[in-house]
């Protein structure tokens, strides 16, 4: 209930850790 908001906030970080972000969300 915050992973979505965090993604937008960490836009630059998400691109860097795109794979990690997706795996972390799941």
Foldseek 3Di string as FASTA:
>chain_A
DCLVVVCVVVVVVCVVVVVVSVVVVD
